[in-house]
Amino acid sequence: MNDILSLIGSGVNGLTLNIKGEDLLTFADSLIAKAKEQLLPVMVRAAQEQLLSKKEVLEKFNVCPTTLWNWSRSGYLIPVKIGKKVSYRQADIERLIIERGAK
């Protein structure tokens, strides 16, 4: 498999390869493993993303539930709904704090 990578990486133009099916599957498996290795940290960060409850957001911005509903409708602050629970991304809240100058 490393031979395939070195041949491809050598930059030879018009390269024709005769590969056994088993070697091709091994190569494909290695590419998949490499992609997973690179994507896993990104997916873990996304899964660990901090969420704030609706109550926390109401208190942080000192607004009423209707305001949050209006913000959602207008696309200003989109909630994350998990089942019936409504939460908000910390990153979105921080963005609004910067835009509004709120504390």
PDB file of N, CA and C in Angstrom:
ATOM      1  N   MET A   1       0.819  -1.188   0.000  1.00  0.00           N
ATOM      2  CA  MET A   1       0.000   0.000   0.000  1.00  0.00           C
ATOM      3  C   MET A   1       0.864   1.253   0.000  1.00  0.00           C
ATOM      4  N   ASN A   2       1.923   1.264   0.784  1.00  0.00           N
ATOM      5  CA  ASN A   2       2.813   2.414   0.780  1.00  0.00           C
ATOM      6  C   ASN A   2       3.438   2.611  -0.592  1.00  0.00           C
ATOM      7  N   ASP A   3       3.613   1.516  -1.324  1.00  0.00           N
ATOM      8  CA  ASP A   3       4.154   1.613  -2.674  1.00  0.00           C
ATOM      9  C   ASP A   3       3.198   2.379  -3.582  1.00  0.00           C
ATOM     10  N   ILE A   4       1.903   2.158  -3.416  1.00  0.00           N
ATOM     11  CA  ILE A   4       0.904   2.872  -4.214  1.00  0.00           C
ATOM     12  C   ILE A   4       0.980   4.361  -3.917  1.00  0.00           C
ATOM     13  N   LEU A   5       1.053   4.713  -2.630  1.00  0.00           N
ATOM     14  CA  LEU A   5       1.128   6.127  -2.258  1.00  0.00           C
ATOM     15  C   LEU A   5       2.395   6.776  -2.795  1.00  0.00           C
ATOM     16  N   SER A   6       3.516   6.081  -2.725  1.00  0.00           N
ATOM     17  CA  SER A   6       4.764   6.663  -3.221  1.00  0.00           C
ATOM     18  C   SER A   6       4.734   6.816  -4.740  1.00  0.00           C
ATOM     19  N   LEU A   7       4.132   5.861  -5.444  1.00  0.00           N
ATOM     20  CA  LEU A   7       4.017   5.981  -6.899  1.00  0.00           C
ATOM     21  C   LEU A   7       3.140   7.163  -7.290  1.00  0.00           C
ATOM     22  N   ILE A   8       2.018   7.290  -6.606  1.00  0.00           N
ATOM     23  CA  ILE A   8       1.110   8.397  -6.907  1.00  0.00           C
ATOM     24  C   ILE A   8       1.767   9.724  -6.554  1.00  0.00           C
ATOM     25  N   GLY A   9       2.466   9.744  -5.421  1.00  0.00           N
ATOM     26  CA  GLY A   9       3.120  10.969  -4.970  1.00  0.00           C
ATOM     27  C   GLY A   9       4.332  11.358  -5.786  1.00  0.00           C
ATOM     28  N   SER A  10       4.882  10.442  -6.566  1.00  0.00           N
ATOM     29  CA  SER A  10       6.086  10.743  -7.344  1.00  0.00           C
ATOM     30  C   SER A  10       5.809  11.698  -8.497  1.00  0.00           C
ATOM     31  N   GLY A  11       4.550  11.858  -8.852  1.00  0.00           N
ATOM     32  CA  GLY A  11       4.198  12.805  -9.902  1.00  0.00           C
ATOM     33  C   GLY A  11       4.398  12.275 -11.308  1.00  0.00           C
ATOM     34  N   VAL A  12       4.519  10.979 -11.454  1.00  0.00           N
ATOM     35  CA  VAL A  12       4.688  10.381 -12.782  1.00  0.00           C
ATOM     36  C   VAL A  12       3.394  10.563 -13.566  1.00  0.00           C
ATOM     37  N   ASN A  13       3.520  11.117 -14.775  1.00  0.00           N
ATOM     38  CA  ASN A  13       2.342  11.313 -15.620  1.00  0.00           C
ATOM     39  C   ASN A  13       2.037  10.044 -16.399  1.00  0.00           C
ATOM     40  N   GLY A  14       0.768   9.781 -16.619  1.00  0.00           N
ATOM     41  CA  GLY A  14       0.356   8.641 -17.420  1.00  0.00           C
ATOM     42  C   GLY A  14       0.651   7.313 -16.757  1.00  0.00           C
ATOM     43  N   LEU A  15       0.613   7.285 -15.461  1.00  0.00           N
ATOM     44  CA  LEU A  15       0.909   6.072 -14.707  1.00  0.00           C
ATOM     45  C   LEU A  15      -0.260   5.102 -14.789  1.00  0.00           C
ATOM     46  N   THR A  16       0.024   3.868 -15.176  1.00  0.00           N
ATOM     47  CA  THR A  16      -0.987   2.817 -15.212  1.00  0.00           C
ATOM     48  C   THR A  16      -0.604   1.782 -14.172  1.00  0.00           C
ATOM     49  N   LEU A  17      -1.558   1.426 -13.335  1.00  0.00           N
ATOM     50  CA  LEU A  17      -1.292   0.468 -12.267  1.00  0.00           C
ATOM     51  C   LEU A  17      -2.111  -0.790 -12.473  1.00  0.00           C
ATOM     52  N   ASN A  18      -1.497  -1.923 -12.229  1.00  0.00           N
ATOM     53  CA  ASN A  18      -2.209  -3.196 -12.160  1.00  0.00           C
ATOM     54  C   ASN A  18      -2.239  -3.569 -10.686  1.00  0.00           C
ATOM     55  N   ILE A  19      -3.433  -3.579 -10.120  1.00  0.00           N
ATOM     56  CA  ILE A  19      -3.566  -3.795  -8.683  1.00  0.00           C
ATOM     57  C   ILE A  19      -4.509  -4.959  -8.436  1.00  0.00           C
ATOM     58  N   LYS A  20      -4.121  -5.804  -7.503  1.00  0.00           N
ATOM     59  CA  LYS A  20      -5.007  -6.886  -7.090  1.00  0.00           C
ATOM     60  C   LYS A  20      -6.168  -6.277  -6.314  1.00  0.00           C
ATOM     61  N   GLY A  21      -7.316  -6.907  -6.415  1.00  0.00           N
ATOM     62  CA  GLY A  21      -8.499  -6.421  -5.708  1.00  0.00           C
ATOM     63  C   GLY A  21      -8.264  -6.279  -4.217  1.00  0.00           C
ATOM     64  N   GLU A  22      -7.553  -7.225  -3.639  1.00  0.00           N
ATOM     65  CA  GLU A  22      -7.269  -7.190  -2.202  1.00  0.00           C
ATOM     66  C   GLU A  22      -6.438  -5.962  -1.839  1.00  0.00           C
ATOM     67  N   ASP A  23      -5.446  -5.644  -2.678  1.00  0.00           N
ATOM     68  CA  ASP A  23      -4.614  -4.470  -2.430  1.00  0.00           C
ATOM     69  C   ASP A  23      -5.426  -3.183  -2.568  1.00  0.00           C
ATOM     70  N   LEU A  24      -6.336  -3.166  -3.521  1.00  0.00           N
ATOM     71  CA  LEU A  24      -7.183  -1.992  -3.707  1.00  0.00           C
ATOM     72  C   LEU A  24      -8.085  -1.776  -2.493  1.00  0.00           C
ATOM     73  N   LEU A  25      -8.636  -2.863  -1.968  1.00  0.00           N
ATOM     74  CA  LEU A  25      -9.471  -2.756  -0.768  1.00  0.00           C
ATOM     75  C   LEU A  25      -8.654  -2.281   0.428  1.00  0.00           C
ATOM     76  N   THR A  26      -7.439  -2.771   0.559  1.00  0.00           N
ATOM     77  CA  THR A  26      -6.556  -2.328   1.641  1.00  0.00           C
ATOM     78  C   THR A  26      -6.267  -0.843   1.507  1.00  0.00           C
ATOM     79  N   PHE A  27      -6.005  -0.400   0.291  1.00  0.00           N
ATOM     80  CA  PHE A  27      -5.745   1.017   0.038  1.00  0.00           C
ATOM     81  C   PHE A  27      -6.970   1.860   0.377  1.00  0.00           C
ATOM     82  N   ALA A  28      -8.147   1.404  -0.039  1.00  0.00           N
ATOM     83  CA  ALA A  28      -9.384   2.131   0.266  1.00  0.00           C
ATOM     84  C   ALA A  28      -9.607   2.198   1.771  1.00  0.00           C
ATOM     85  N   ASP A  29      -9.362   1.097   2.467  1.00  0.00           N
ATOM     86  CA  ASP A  29      -9.516   1.082   3.925  1.00  0.00           C
ATOM     87  C   ASP A  29      -8.568   2.075   4.590  1.00  0.00           C
ATOM     88  N   SER A  30      -7.347   2.169   4.068  1.00  0.00           N
ATOM     89  CA  SER A  30      -6.386   3.108   4.654  1.00  0.00           C
ATOM     90  C   SER A  30      -6.815   4.552   4.409  1.00  0.00           C
ATOM     91  N   LEU A  31      -7.380   4.826   3.242  1.00  0.00           N
ATOM     92  CA  LEU A  31      -7.881   6.177   2.970  1.00  0.00           C
ATOM     93  C   LEU A  31      -9.039   6.528   3.893  1.00  0.00           C
ATOM     94  N   ILE A  32      -9.928   5.580   4.112  1.00  0.00           N
ATOM     95  CA  ILE A  32     -11.063   5.806   5.009  1.00  0.00           C
ATOM     96  C   ILE A  32     -10.568   6.044   6.428  1.00  0.00           C
ATOM     97  N   ALA A  33      -9.608   5.244   6.874  1.00  0.00           N
ATOM     98  CA  ALA A  33      -9.061   5.408   8.224  1.00  0.00           C
ATOM     99  C   ALA A  33      -8.401   6.772   8.380  1.00  0.00           C
ATOM    100  N   LYS A  34      -7.695   7.214   7.354  1.00  0.00           N
ATOM    101  CA  LYS A  34      -7.033   8.521   7.396  1.00  0.00           C
ATOM    102  C   LYS A  34      -8.067   9.650   7.459  1.00  0.00           C
ATOM    103  N   ALA A  35      -9.136   9.528   6.683  1.00  0.00           N
ATOM    104  CA  ALA A  35     -10.194  10.541   6.699  1.00  0.00           C
ATOM    105  C   ALA A  35     -10.868  10.587   8.065  1.00  0.00           C
ATOM    106  N   LYS A  36     -11.140   9.424   8.646  1.00  0.00           N
ATOM    107  CA  LYS A  36     -11.750   9.380   9.982  1.00  0.00           C
ATOM    108  C   LYS A  36     -10.840  10.040  11.007  1.00  0.00           C
ATOM    109  N   GLU A  37      -9.553   9.756  10.903  1.00  0.00           N
ATOM    110  CA  GLU A  37      -8.573  10.314  11.833  1.00  0.00           C
ATOM    111  C   GLU A  37      -8.574  11.843  11.768  1.00  0.00           C
ATOM    112  N   GLN A  38      -8.718  12.384  10.585  1.00  0.00           N
ATOM    113  CA  GLN A  38      -8.714  13.834  10.420  1.00  0.00           C
ATOM    114  C   GLN A  38     -10.042  14.458  10.827  1.00  0.00           C
ATOM    115  N   LEU A  39     -11.147  13.746  10.624  1.00  0.00           N
ATOM    116  CA  LEU A  39     -12.464  14.296  10.931  1.00  0.00           C
ATOM    117  C   LEU A  39     -12.873  14.124  12.385  1.00  0.00           C
ATOM    118  N   LEU A  40     -12.338  13.131  13.062  1.00  0.00           N
ATOM    119  CA  LEU A  40     -12.749  12.849  14.430  1.00  0.00           C
ATOM    120  C   LEU A  40     -12.590  14.050  15.359  1.00  0.00           C
ATOM    121  N   PRO A  41     -11.452  14.750  15.375  1.00  0.00           N
ATOM    122  CA  PRO A  41     -11.342  15.914  16.265  1.00  0.00           C
ATOM    123  C   PRO A  41     -12.384  16.994  15.965  1.00  0.00           C
ATOM    124  N   VAL A  42     -12.694  17.191  14.708  1.00  0.00           N
ATOM    125  CA  VAL A  42     -13.698  18.187  14.324  1.00  0.00           C
ATOM    126  C   VAL A  42     -15.069  17.772  14.839  1.00  0.00           C
ATOM    127  N   MET A  43     -15.394  16.504  14.692  1.00  0.00           N
ATOM    128  CA  MET A  43     -16.696  16.012  15.135  1.00  0.00           C
ATOM    129  C   MET A  43     -16.813  16.045  16.658  1.00  0.00           C
ATOM    130  N   VAL A  44     -15.731  15.754  17.363  1.00  0.00           N
ATOM    131  CA  VAL A  44     -15.753  15.790  18.827  1.00  0.00           C
ATOM    132  C   VAL A  44     -15.971  17.213  19.307  1.00  0.00           C
ATOM    133  N   ARG A  45     -15.280  18.172  18.697  1.00  0.00           N
ATOM    134  CA  ARG A  45     -15.474  19.580  19.086  1.00  0.00           C
ATOM    135  C   ARG A  45     -16.917  20.005  18.870  1.00  0.00           C
ATOM    136  N   ALA A  46     -17.496  19.603  17.757  1.00  0.00           N
ATOM    137  CA  ALA A  46     -18.886  19.963  17.469  1.00  0.00           C
ATOM    138  C   ALA A  46     -19.834  19.327  18.475  1.00  0.00           C
ATOM    139  N   ALA A  47     -19.551  18.097  18.867  1.00  0.00           N
ATOM    140  CA  ALA A  47     -20.418  17.407  19.829  1.00  0.00           C
ATOM    141  C   ALA A  47     -20.308  18.016  21.218  1.00  0.00           C
ATOM    142  N   GLN A  48     -19.158  18.595  21.530  1.00  0.00           N
ATOM    143  CA  GLN A  48     -18.950  19.175  22.848  1.00  0.00           C
ATOM    144  C   GLN A  48     -19.361  20.641  22.907  1.00  0.00           C
ATOM    145  N   GLU A  49     -19.919  21.139  21.844  1.00  0.00           N
ATOM    146  CA  GLU A  49     -20.303  22.536  21.776  1.00  0.00           C
ATOM    147  C   GLU A  49     -21.246  22.880  22.930  1.00  0.00           C
ATOM    148  N   GLN A  50     -20.922  23.951  23.608  1.00  0.00           N
ATOM    149  CA  GLN A  50     -21.687  24.375  24.775  1.00  0.00           C
ATOM    150  C   GLN A  50     -23.043  24.928  24.349  1.00  0.00           C
ATOM    151  N   LEU A  51     -24.078  24.467  25.031  1.00  0.00           N
ATOM    152  CA  LEU A  51     -25.432  24.952  24.788  1.00  0.00           C
ATOM    153  C   LEU A  51     -25.954  25.632  26.046  1.00  0.00           C
ATOM    154  N   LEU A  52     -26.683  26.714  25.848  1.00  0.00           N
ATOM    155  CA  LEU A  52     -27.328  27.420  26.955  1.00  0.00           C
ATOM    156  C   LEU A  52     -28.825  27.156  26.899  1.00  0.00           C
ATOM    157  N   SER A  53     -29.430  27.087  28.073  1.00  0.00           N
ATOM    158  CA  SER A  53     -30.875  26.873  28.132  1.00  0.00           C
ATOM    159  C   SER A  53     -31.602  28.158  27.746  1.00  0.00           C
ATOM    160  N   LYS A  54     -32.865  28.009  27.445  1.00  0.00           N
ATOM    161  CA  LYS A  54     -33.700  29.160  27.108  1.00  0.00           C
ATOM    162  C   LYS A  54     -33.715  30.147  28.273  1.00  0.00           C
ATOM    163  N   LYS A  55     -33.822  29.626  29.489  1.00  0.00           N
ATOM    164  CA  LYS A  55     -33.850  30.477  30.684  1.00  0.00           C
ATOM    165  C   LYS A  55     -32.558  31.279  30.818  1.00  0.00           C
ATOM    166  N   GLU A  56     -31.412  30.635  30.571  1.00  0.00           N
ATOM    167  CA  GLU A  56     -30.127  31.333  30.663  1.00  0.00           C
ATOM    168  C   GLU A  56     -30.040  32.461  29.642  1.00  0.00           C
ATOM    169  N   VAL A  57     -30.534  32.225  28.452  1.00  0.00           N
ATOM    170  CA  VAL A  57     -30.486  33.250  27.402  1.00  0.00           C
ATOM    171  C   VAL A  57     -31.420  34.409  27.748  1.00  0.00           C
ATOM    172  N   LEU A  58     -32.607  34.090  28.263  1.00  0.00           N
ATOM    173  CA  LEU A  58     -33.543  35.140  28.680  1.00  0.00           C
ATOM    174  C   LEU A  58     -32.900  36.039  29.728  1.00  0.00           C
ATOM    175  N   GLU A  59     -32.220  35.434  30.697  1.00  0.00           N
ATOM    176  CA  GLU A  59     -31.573  36.211  31.754  1.00  0.00           C
ATOM    177  C   GLU A  59     -30.387  37.001  31.219  1.00  0.00           C
ATOM    178  N   LYS A  60     -29.614  36.388  30.345  1.00  0.00           N
ATOM    179  CA  LYS A  60     -28.408  37.037  29.817  1.00  0.00           C
ATOM    180  C   LYS A  60     -28.746  38.307  29.033  1.00  0.00           C
ATOM    181  N   PHE A  61     -29.808  38.249  28.248  1.00  0.00           N
ATOM    182  CA  PHE A  61     -30.183  39.398  27.426  1.00  0.00           C
ATOM    183  C   PHE A  61     -31.293  40.235  28.044  1.00  0.00           C
ATOM    184  N   ASN A  62     -31.851  39.759  29.164  1.00  0.00           N
ATOM    185  CA  ASN A  62     -32.943  40.472  29.830  1.00  0.00           C
ATOM    186  C   ASN A  62     -34.084  40.758  28.846  1.00  0.00           C
ATOM    187  N   VAL A  63     -34.513  39.688  28.175  1.00  0.00           N
ATOM    188  CA  VAL A  63     -35.617  39.797  27.222  1.00  0.00           C
ATOM    189  C   VAL A  63     -36.706  38.803  27.614  1.00  0.00           C
ATOM    190  N   CYS A  64     -37.864  38.945  26.998  1.00  0.00           N
ATOM    191  CA  CYS A  64     -38.977  38.037  27.279  1.00  0.00           C
ATOM    192  C   CYS A  64     -38.973  36.888  26.257  1.00  0.00           C
ATOM    193  N   PRO A  65     -39.708  35.816  26.547  1.00  0.00           N
ATOM    194  CA  PRO A  65     -39.756  34.682  25.610  1.00  0.00           C
ATOM    195  C   PRO A  65     -40.229  35.063  24.209  1.00  0.00           C
ATOM    196  N   THR A  66     -41.101  36.051  24.127  1.00  0.00           N
ATOM    197  CA  THR A  66     -41.584  36.488  22.816  1.00  0.00           C
ATOM    198  C   THR A  66     -40.444  37.043  21.972  1.00  0.00           C
ATOM    199  N   THR A  67     -39.516  37.742  22.617  1.00  0.00           N
ATOM    200  CA  THR A  67     -38.367  38.282  21.890  1.00  0.00           C
ATOM    201  C   THR A  67     -37.523  37.148  21.316  1.00  0.00           C
ATOM    202  N   LEU A  68     -37.281  36.111  22.119  1.00  0.00           N
ATOM    203  CA  LEU A  68     -36.524  34.967  21.603  1.00  0.00           C
ATOM    204  C   LEU A  68     -37.251  34.316  20.436  1.00  0.00           C
ATOM    205  N   TRP A  69     -38.556  34.222  20.540  1.00  0.00           N
ATOM    206  CA  TRP A  69     -39.357  33.640  19.463  1.00  0.00           C
ATOM    207  C   TRP A  69     -39.220  34.489  18.196  1.00  0.00           C
ATOM    208  N   ASN A  70     -39.301  35.818  18.352  1.00  0.00           N
ATOM    209  CA  ASN A  70     -39.147  36.725  17.204  1.00  0.00           C
ATOM    210  C   ASN A  70     -37.742  36.620  16.605  1.00  0.00           C
ATOM    211  N   TRP A  71     -36.735  36.526  17.466  1.00  0.00           N
ATOM    212  CA  TRP A  71     -35.363  36.388  16.984  1.00  0.00           C
ATOM    213  C   TRP A  71     -35.215  35.097  16.180  1.00  0.00           C
ATOM    214  N   SER A  72     -35.866  34.045  16.633  1.00  0.00           N
ATOM    215  CA  SER A  72     -35.816  32.770  15.921  1.00  0.00           C
ATOM    216  C   SER A  72     -36.479  32.888  14.549  1.00  0.00           C
ATOM    217  N   ARG A  73     -37.644  33.502  14.514  1.00  0.00           N
ATOM    218  CA  ARG A  73     -38.373  33.673  13.242  1.00  0.00           C
ATOM    219  C   ARG A  73     -37.587  34.500  12.240  1.00  0.00           C
ATOM    220  N   SER A  74     -36.888  35.533  12.745  1.00  0.00           N
ATOM    221  CA  SER A  74     -36.149  36.421  11.847  1.00  0.00           C
ATOM    222  C   SER A  74     -34.763  35.879  11.479  1.00  0.00           C
ATOM    223  N   GLY A  75     -34.327  34.802  12.161  1.00  0.00           N
ATOM    224  CA  GLY A  75     -33.006  34.253  11.888  1.00  0.00           C
ATOM    225  C   GLY A  75     -31.900  34.925  12.672  1.00  0.00           C
ATOM    226  N   TYR A  76     -32.255  35.817  13.588  1.00  0.00           N
ATOM    227  CA  TYR A  76     -31.283  36.554  14.393  1.00  0.00           C
ATOM    228  C   TYR A  76     -30.593  35.636  15.398  1.00  0.00           C
ATOM    229  N   LEU A  77     -31.345  34.732  16.018  1.00  0.00           N
ATOM    230  CA  LEU A  77     -30.803  33.758  16.966  1.00  0.00           C
ATOM    231  C   LEU A  77     -31.592  32.461  16.809  1.00  0.00           C
ATOM    232  N   ILE A  78     -30.973  31.490  16.192  1.00  0.00           N
ATOM    233  CA  ILE A  78     -31.646  30.224  15.888  1.00  0.00           C
ATOM    234  C   ILE A  78     -31.431  29.239  17.042  1.00  0.00           C
ATOM    235  N   PRO A  79     -32.511  28.702  17.602  1.00  0.00           N
ATOM    236  CA  PRO A  79     -32.362  27.725  18.686  1.00  0.00           C
ATOM    237  C   PRO A  79     -31.984  26.342  18.158  1.00  0.00           C
ATOM    238  N   VAL A  80     -31.439  25.552  19.055  1.00  0.00           N
ATOM    239  CA  VAL A  80     -31.156  24.144  18.780  1.00  0.00           C
ATOM    240  C   VAL A  80     -32.210  23.361  19.537  1.00  0.00           C
ATOM    241  N   LYS A  81     -33.020  22.592  18.818  1.00  0.00           N
ATOM    242  CA  LYS A  81     -34.093  21.842  19.465  1.00  0.00           C
ATOM    243  C   LYS A  81     -33.713  20.372  19.539  1.00  0.00           C
ATOM    244  N   ILE A  82     -33.705  19.854  20.755  1.00  0.00           N
ATOM    245  CA  ILE A  82     -33.452  18.437  20.992  1.00  0.00           C
ATOM    246  C   ILE A  82     -34.697  17.905  21.673  1.00  0.00           C
ATOM    247  N   GLY A  83     -35.515  17.200  20.907  1.00  0.00           N
ATOM    248  CA  GLY A  83     -36.825  16.803  21.423  1.00  0.00           C
ATOM    249  C   GLY A  83     -37.661  18.056  21.607  1.00  0.00           C
ATOM    250  N   LYS A  84     -38.176  18.237  22.804  1.00  0.00           N
ATOM    251  CA  LYS A  84     -38.956  19.441  23.102  1.00  0.00           C
ATOM    252  C   LYS A  84     -38.111  20.518  23.764  1.00  0.00           C
ATOM    253  N   LYS A  85     -36.871  20.181  24.098  1.00  0.00           N
ATOM    254  CA  LYS A  85     -35.992  21.123  24.792  1.00  0.00           C
ATOM    255  C   LYS A  85     -35.380  22.113  23.800  1.00  0.00           C
ATOM    256  N   VAL A  86     -35.445  23.386  24.161  1.00  0.00           N
ATOM    257  CA  VAL A  86     -34.888  24.449  23.327  1.00  0.00           C
ATOM    258  C   VAL A  86     -33.615  24.958  23.987  1.00  0.00           C
ATOM    259  N   SER A  87     -32.526  24.969  23.232  1.00  0.00           N
ATOM    260  CA  SER A  87     -31.246  25.474  23.719  1.00  0.00           C
ATOM    261  C   SER A  87     -30.665  26.401  22.664  1.00  0.00           C
ATOM    262  N   TYR A  88     -29.595  27.092  23.058  1.00  0.00           N
ATOM    263  CA  TYR A  88     -28.936  28.030  22.151  1.00  0.00           C
ATOM    264  C   TYR A  88     -27.432  27.798  22.210  1.00  0.00           C
ATOM    265  N   ARG A  89     -26.766  27.912  21.070  1.00  0.00           N
ATOM    266  CA  ARG A  89     -25.315  27.710  21.006  1.00  0.00           C
ATOM    267  C   ARG A  89     -24.598  28.876  21.682  1.00  0.00           C
ATOM    268  N   GLN A  90     -23.593  28.525  22.489  1.00  0.00           N
ATOM    269  CA  GLN A  90     -22.788  29.535  23.175  1.00  0.00           C
ATOM    270  C   GLN A  90     -22.135  30.472  22.158  1.00  0.00           C
ATOM    271  N   ALA A  91     -21.654  29.935  21.048  1.00  0.00           N
ATOM    272  CA  ALA A  91     -20.994  30.758  20.026  1.00  0.00           C
ATOM    273  C   ALA A  91     -21.958  31.797  19.453  1.00  0.00           C
ATOM    274  N   ASP A  92     -23.230  31.421  19.260  1.00  0.00           N
ATOM    275  CA  ASP A  92     -24.225  32.372  18.753  1.00  0.00           C
ATOM    276  C   ASP A  92     -24.493  33.468  19.779  1.00  0.00           C
ATOM    277  N   ILE A  93     -24.535  33.086  21.047  1.00  0.00           N
ATOM    278  CA  ILE A  93     -24.765  34.059  22.117  1.00  0.00           C
ATOM    279  C   ILE A  93     -23.608  35.046  22.173  1.00  0.00           C
ATOM    280  N   GLU A  94     -22.384  34.538  22.097  1.00  0.00           N
ATOM    281  CA  GLU A  94     -21.208  35.417  22.129  1.00  0.00           C
ATOM    282  C   GLU A  94     -21.213  36.378  20.949  1.00  0.00           C
ATOM    283  N   ARG A  95     -21.629  35.893  19.791  1.00  0.00           N
ATOM    284  CA  ARG A  95     -21.715  36.766  18.608  1.00  0.00           C
ATOM    285  C   ARG A  95     -22.704  37.895  18.848  1.00  0.00           C
ATOM    286  N   LEU A  96     -23.863  37.565  19.429  1.00  0.00           N
ATOM    287  CA  LEU A  96     -24.865  38.593  19.703  1.00  0.00           C
ATOM    288  C   LEU A  96     -24.387  39.576  20.754  1.00  0.00           C
ATOM    289  N   ILE A  97     -23.655  39.082  21.744  1.00  0.00           N
ATOM    290  CA  ILE A  97     -23.133  39.975  22.781  1.00  0.00           C
ATOM    291  C   ILE A  97     -22.208  41.005  22.148  1.00  0.00           C
ATOM    292  N   ILE A  98     -21.375  40.558  21.244  1.00  0.00           N
ATOM    293  CA  ILE A  98     -20.470  41.487  20.557  1.00  0.00           C
ATOM    294  C   ILE A  98     -21.267  42.481  19.721  1.00  0.00           C
ATOM    295  N   GLU A  99     -22.276  41.985  18.983  1.00  0.00           N
ATOM    296  CA  GLU A  99     -23.086  42.860  18.133  1.00  0.00           C
ATOM    297  C   GLU A  99     -23.900  43.865  18.946  1.00  0.00           C
ATOM    298  N   ARG A 100     -24.487  43.406  20.053  1.00  0.00           N
ATOM    299  CA  ARG A 100     -25.373  44.258  20.847  1.00  0.00           C
ATOM    300  C   ARG A 100     -24.629  45.040  21.914  1.00  0.00           C
ATOM    301  N   GLY A 101     -23.427  44.604  22.262  1.00  0.00           N
ATOM    302  CA  GLY A 101     -22.713  45.243  23.353  1.00  0.00           C
ATOM    303  C   GLY A 101     -23.329  44.914  24.703  1.00  0.00           C
ATOM    304  N   ALA A 102     -24.056  43.792  24.800  1.00  0.00           N
ATOM    305  CA  ALA A 102     -24.716  43.396  26.048  1.00  0.00           C
ATOM    306  C   ALA A 102     -23.713  42.755  26.990  1.00  0.00           C
ATOM    307  N   LYS A 103     -24.107  42.659  28.254  1.00  0.00           N
ATOM    308  CA  LYS A 103     -23.246  42.036  29.263  1.00  0.00           C
ATOM    309  C   LYS A 103     -23.823  40.742  29.719  1.00  0.00           C
TER     310      LYS A 103
END
